[in-house]
N, C-alpha and C. Protein backbone atom coordinates (compact mmCIF):
# COMPACT_ATOMS: atom_id res chain seq x y z
N UNK A 1 -4.96 1.96 -3.32
CA UNK A 1 -6.15 2.23 -2.57
C UNK A 1 -6.23 3.74 -2.39
N UNK A 2 -7.13 4.34 -3.09
CA UNK A 2 -7.33 5.78 -3.01
C UNK A 2 -8.47 6.05 -2.04
N UNK A 3 -8.16 6.71 -0.92
CA UNK A 3 -9.18 7.03 0.06
C UNK A 3 -9.53 8.52 0.05
N UNK A 4 -9.38 9.12 -1.12
CA UNK A 4 -9.71 10.54 -1.33
C UNK A 4 -8.80 11.48 -0.57
N UNK A 5 -7.58 11.04 -0.27
CA UNK A 5 -6.63 11.94 0.36
C UNK A 5 -6.12 12.92 -0.69
N UNK A 6 -5.34 13.88 -0.27
CA UNK A 6 -4.86 14.91 -1.19
C UNK A 6 -3.45 14.63 -1.69
N UNK A 7 -2.99 13.39 -1.63
CA UNK A 7 -1.61 13.09 -2.03
C UNK A 7 -1.48 12.65 -3.49
N UNK A 8 -2.51 12.87 -4.30
CA UNK A 8 -2.50 12.56 -5.73
C UNK A 8 -2.41 11.06 -6.00
N UNK A 9 -2.92 10.23 -5.08
CA UNK A 9 -2.86 8.78 -5.24
C UNK A 9 -3.46 8.33 -6.56
N UNK A 10 -4.68 8.79 -6.87
CA UNK A 10 -5.34 8.34 -8.10
C UNK A 10 -4.51 8.67 -9.33
N UNK A 11 -3.94 9.85 -9.36
CA UNK A 11 -3.10 10.25 -10.50
C UNK A 11 -1.85 9.38 -10.60
N UNK A 12 -1.18 9.17 -9.49
CA UNK A 12 0.06 8.39 -9.49
C UNK A 12 -0.20 6.93 -9.83
N UNK A 13 -1.20 6.32 -9.17
CA UNK A 13 -1.51 4.92 -9.45
C UNK A 13 -2.01 4.76 -10.87
N UNK A 14 -2.81 5.69 -11.35
CA UNK A 14 -3.31 5.62 -12.72
C UNK A 14 -2.18 5.59 -13.74
N UNK A 15 -1.16 6.37 -13.51
CA UNK A 15 0.00 6.39 -14.41
C UNK A 15 0.70 5.03 -14.43
N UNK A 16 0.89 4.43 -13.27
CA UNK A 16 1.56 3.13 -13.21
C UNK A 16 0.65 2.00 -13.68
N UNK A 17 -0.65 2.10 -13.41
CA UNK A 17 -1.58 1.07 -13.86
C UNK A 17 -1.62 1.00 -15.38
N UNK A 18 -1.42 2.13 -16.02
CA UNK A 18 -1.39 2.16 -17.48
C UNK A 18 -0.17 1.39 -18.01
N UNK A 19 0.94 1.49 -17.31
CA UNK A 19 2.19 0.83 -17.73
C UNK A 19 2.28 -0.62 -17.27
N UNK A 20 1.64 -0.95 -16.15
CA UNK A 20 1.73 -2.29 -15.57
C UNK A 20 0.33 -2.83 -15.34
N UNK A 21 -0.12 -3.79 -16.14
CA UNK A 21 -1.50 -4.26 -16.06
C UNK A 21 -1.85 -4.97 -14.74
N UNK A 22 -0.87 -5.35 -13.94
CA UNK A 22 -1.16 -6.00 -12.67
C UNK A 22 -1.48 -4.99 -11.57
N UNK A 23 -1.37 -3.69 -11.87
CA UNK A 23 -1.72 -2.65 -10.91
C UNK A 23 -3.13 -2.18 -11.19
N UNK A 24 -3.96 -2.08 -10.14
CA UNK A 24 -5.34 -1.65 -10.27
C UNK A 24 -5.65 -0.64 -9.17
N UNK A 25 -6.25 0.46 -9.54
CA UNK A 25 -6.64 1.48 -8.57
C UNK A 25 -7.97 1.08 -7.93
N UNK A 26 -8.01 1.06 -6.62
CA UNK A 26 -9.23 0.80 -5.86
C UNK A 26 -9.58 2.09 -5.15
N UNK A 27 -10.83 2.52 -5.30
CA UNK A 27 -11.25 3.78 -4.69
C UNK A 27 -12.24 3.53 -3.56
N UNK A 28 -12.08 4.31 -2.51
CA UNK A 28 -13.01 4.25 -1.37
C UNK A 28 -13.37 5.68 -1.00
N UNK A 29 -14.64 5.97 -1.00
CA UNK A 29 -15.10 7.30 -0.62
C UNK A 29 -14.83 7.52 0.86
N UNK A 30 -14.39 8.69 1.21
CA UNK A 30 -14.12 9.01 2.61
C UNK A 30 -15.43 9.19 3.35
N UNK A 31 -15.47 8.62 4.55
CA UNK A 31 -16.65 8.74 5.40
C UNK A 31 -16.32 9.70 6.53
N UNK A 32 -16.78 10.92 6.42
CA UNK A 32 -16.52 11.92 7.45
C UNK A 32 -15.13 12.53 7.31
N UNK A 33 -14.59 13.03 8.42
CA UNK A 33 -13.28 13.67 8.39
C UNK A 33 -12.16 12.62 8.43
N UNK A 34 -10.99 13.06 8.05
CA UNK A 34 -9.83 12.17 8.00
C UNK A 34 -9.44 11.73 9.41
N UNK A 35 -9.21 10.42 9.56
CA UNK A 35 -8.79 9.85 10.84
C UNK A 35 -7.49 9.09 10.62
N UNK A 36 -6.44 9.46 11.35
CA UNK A 36 -5.16 8.81 11.15
C UNK A 36 -5.16 7.35 11.57
N UNK A 37 -5.59 7.01 12.75
CA UNK A 37 -5.55 5.63 13.22
C UNK A 37 -6.60 4.75 12.55
N UNK A 38 -7.85 4.86 12.99
CA UNK A 38 -8.91 4.01 12.45
C UNK A 38 -9.13 4.21 10.95
N UNK A 39 -8.95 5.42 10.46
CA UNK A 39 -9.15 5.67 9.04
C UNK A 39 -8.15 4.93 8.17
N UNK A 40 -6.90 4.90 8.61
CA UNK A 40 -5.85 4.20 7.86
C UNK A 40 -6.13 2.69 7.87
N UNK A 41 -6.50 2.16 9.03
CA UNK A 41 -6.80 0.73 9.14
C UNK A 41 -8.01 0.38 8.27
N UNK A 42 -9.04 1.22 8.30
CA UNK A 42 -10.23 0.98 7.48
C UNK A 42 -9.91 0.99 5.99
N UNK A 43 -9.08 1.94 5.57
CA UNK A 43 -8.69 2.01 4.16
C UNK A 43 -7.87 0.78 3.77
N UNK A 44 -6.95 0.36 4.64
CA UNK A 44 -6.15 -0.82 4.36
C UNK A 44 -7.04 -2.05 4.23
N UNK A 45 -7.96 -2.24 5.16
CA UNK A 45 -8.85 -3.40 5.11
C UNK A 45 -9.75 -3.37 3.89
N UNK A 46 -10.18 -2.19 3.46
CA UNK A 46 -11.00 -2.06 2.26
C UNK A 46 -10.19 -2.53 1.04
N UNK A 47 -8.95 -2.07 0.94
CA UNK A 47 -8.08 -2.50 -0.15
C UNK A 47 -7.79 -3.98 -0.11
N UNK A 48 -7.56 -4.51 1.08
CA UNK A 48 -7.30 -5.94 1.23
C UNK A 48 -8.51 -6.76 0.78
N UNK A 49 -9.70 -6.32 1.14
CA UNK A 49 -10.92 -7.02 0.72
C UNK A 49 -11.08 -7.01 -0.79
N UNK A 50 -10.59 -5.95 -1.45
CA UNK A 50 -10.69 -5.85 -2.91
C UNK A 50 -9.84 -6.92 -3.60
N UNK A 51 -8.87 -7.48 -2.90
CA UNK A 51 -8.06 -8.56 -3.49
C UNK A 51 -8.87 -9.83 -3.67
N UNK A 52 -9.91 -10.00 -2.88
CA UNK A 52 -10.72 -11.22 -2.97
C UNK A 52 -9.85 -12.43 -2.68
N UNK A 53 -9.88 -13.41 -3.57
CA UNK A 53 -9.10 -14.63 -3.39
C UNK A 53 -7.78 -14.59 -4.15
N UNK A 54 -7.39 -13.41 -4.65
CA UNK A 54 -6.14 -13.30 -5.39
C UNK A 54 -4.96 -13.68 -4.49
N UNK A 55 -4.07 -14.54 -4.97
CA UNK A 55 -2.93 -14.94 -4.14
C UNK A 55 -1.90 -13.81 -4.02
N UNK A 56 -1.21 -13.77 -2.91
CA UNK A 56 -0.14 -12.80 -2.72
C UNK A 56 0.88 -13.37 -1.76
N UNK A 57 2.11 -12.94 -1.90
CA UNK A 57 3.18 -13.33 -0.99
C UNK A 57 3.48 -12.23 0.01
N UNK A 58 3.34 -10.98 -0.43
CA UNK A 58 3.69 -9.84 0.40
C UNK A 58 2.64 -8.76 0.20
N UNK A 59 2.28 -8.09 1.28
CA UNK A 59 1.41 -6.93 1.20
C UNK A 59 2.18 -5.76 1.81
N UNK A 60 2.20 -4.64 1.12
CA UNK A 60 2.88 -3.46 1.62
C UNK A 60 1.87 -2.33 1.78
N UNK A 61 1.97 -1.61 2.88
CA UNK A 61 1.14 -0.43 3.11
C UNK A 61 2.06 0.77 3.10
N UNK A 62 1.84 1.65 2.14
CA UNK A 62 2.64 2.87 2.08
C UNK A 62 1.83 3.96 1.42
N UNK A 63 2.24 5.19 1.63
CA UNK A 63 1.58 6.31 0.98
C UNK A 63 2.15 6.48 -0.41
N UNK A 64 1.29 6.85 -1.33
CA UNK A 64 1.69 6.93 -2.73
C UNK A 64 2.68 8.06 -3.00
N UNK A 65 2.77 9.02 -2.12
CA UNK A 65 3.68 10.13 -2.35
C UNK A 65 5.00 9.98 -1.60
N UNK A 66 5.30 8.78 -1.11
CA UNK A 66 6.58 8.54 -0.45
C UNK A 66 7.68 8.32 -1.46
N UNK A 67 8.87 8.67 -1.07
CA UNK A 67 10.05 8.36 -1.88
C UNK A 67 11.01 7.59 -0.99
N UNK A 68 11.65 6.56 -1.56
CA UNK A 68 12.62 5.78 -0.82
C UNK A 68 13.61 5.16 -1.78
N UNK A 69 14.69 4.66 -1.24
CA UNK A 69 15.76 4.11 -2.06
C UNK A 69 15.37 2.87 -2.83
N UNK A 70 16.11 2.59 -3.88
CA UNK A 70 15.83 1.44 -4.75
C UNK A 70 15.95 0.11 -4.02
N UNK A 71 16.72 0.06 -2.94
CA UNK A 71 16.92 -1.21 -2.23
C UNK A 71 16.02 -1.35 -1.00
N UNK A 72 15.09 -0.43 -0.78
CA UNK A 72 14.26 -0.45 0.43
C UNK A 72 13.49 -1.75 0.57
N UNK A 73 12.76 -2.16 -0.46
CA UNK A 73 11.96 -3.38 -0.33
C UNK A 73 12.83 -4.63 -0.23
N UNK A 74 13.92 -4.68 -0.97
CA UNK A 74 14.79 -5.86 -0.86
C UNK A 74 15.39 -5.95 0.54
N UNK A 75 15.71 -4.81 1.16
CA UNK A 75 16.25 -4.83 2.52
C UNK A 75 15.20 -5.30 3.52
N UNK A 76 13.96 -4.84 3.36
CA UNK A 76 12.89 -5.28 4.26
C UNK A 76 12.58 -6.75 4.03
N UNK A 77 12.45 -7.16 2.76
CA UNK A 77 12.11 -8.55 2.46
C UNK A 77 13.19 -9.53 2.91
N UNK A 78 14.43 -9.09 3.00
CA UNK A 78 15.51 -9.97 3.45
C UNK A 78 15.27 -10.50 4.86
N UNK A 79 14.52 -9.74 5.66
CA UNK A 79 14.21 -10.20 7.02
C UNK A 79 13.39 -11.49 7.00
N UNK A 80 12.64 -11.73 5.94
CA UNK A 80 11.79 -12.91 5.86
C UNK A 80 12.58 -14.18 5.54
N UNK A 81 13.88 -14.06 5.33
CA UNK A 81 14.72 -15.25 5.20
C UNK A 81 14.76 -16.01 6.52
N UNK A 82 14.49 -15.32 7.60
CA UNK A 82 14.41 -15.93 8.92
C UNK A 82 12.97 -16.39 9.12
N UNK A 83 12.71 -17.70 9.25
CA UNK A 83 11.33 -18.19 9.35
C UNK A 83 10.58 -17.70 10.58
N UNK A 84 11.27 -17.11 11.54
CA UNK A 84 10.58 -16.57 12.73
C UNK A 84 9.94 -15.22 12.46
N UNK A 85 10.27 -14.60 11.33
CA UNK A 85 9.76 -13.27 11.02
C UNK A 85 8.44 -13.38 10.26
N UNK A 86 7.43 -12.68 10.77
CA UNK A 86 6.12 -12.67 10.12
C UNK A 86 5.72 -11.28 9.65
N UNK A 87 6.41 -10.24 10.15
CA UNK A 87 6.11 -8.88 9.76
C UNK A 87 7.40 -8.06 9.89
N UNK A 88 7.60 -7.17 8.96
CA UNK A 88 8.78 -6.29 9.00
C UNK A 88 8.40 -4.94 8.43
N UNK A 89 9.11 -3.91 8.86
CA UNK A 89 8.83 -2.58 8.34
C UNK A 89 10.13 -1.78 8.32
N UNK A 90 10.04 -0.59 7.81
CA UNK A 90 11.20 0.26 7.76
C UNK A 90 10.81 1.72 7.75
N UNK A 91 11.73 2.56 8.10
CA UNK A 91 11.52 3.99 8.09
C UNK A 91 12.66 4.63 7.32
N UNK A 92 12.38 5.28 6.18
CA UNK A 92 13.46 5.93 5.45
C UNK A 92 13.96 7.16 6.22
N UNK A 93 15.24 7.37 6.18
CA UNK A 93 15.81 8.56 6.81
C UNK A 93 17.06 8.99 6.06
């Protein structure tokens, strides 16, 4: 989901979309100035709506210019082995 930020999202996603056909870049024009709270939620919901009826097991929200360890997602997803867990997150440090 490219919301016209300056983090090179379109370039990065485009490179991976070329290699992996299940990746698709969705673009949303920015409306006004950048807003951290409502703007991020609006961009997320716009991307979610672009999925339509496509099935999914997990949705991740992250910035395209983040770097994290190879086991980050497996460590977060392991929390879902507990049926009481409905949402999990992590902070790299």
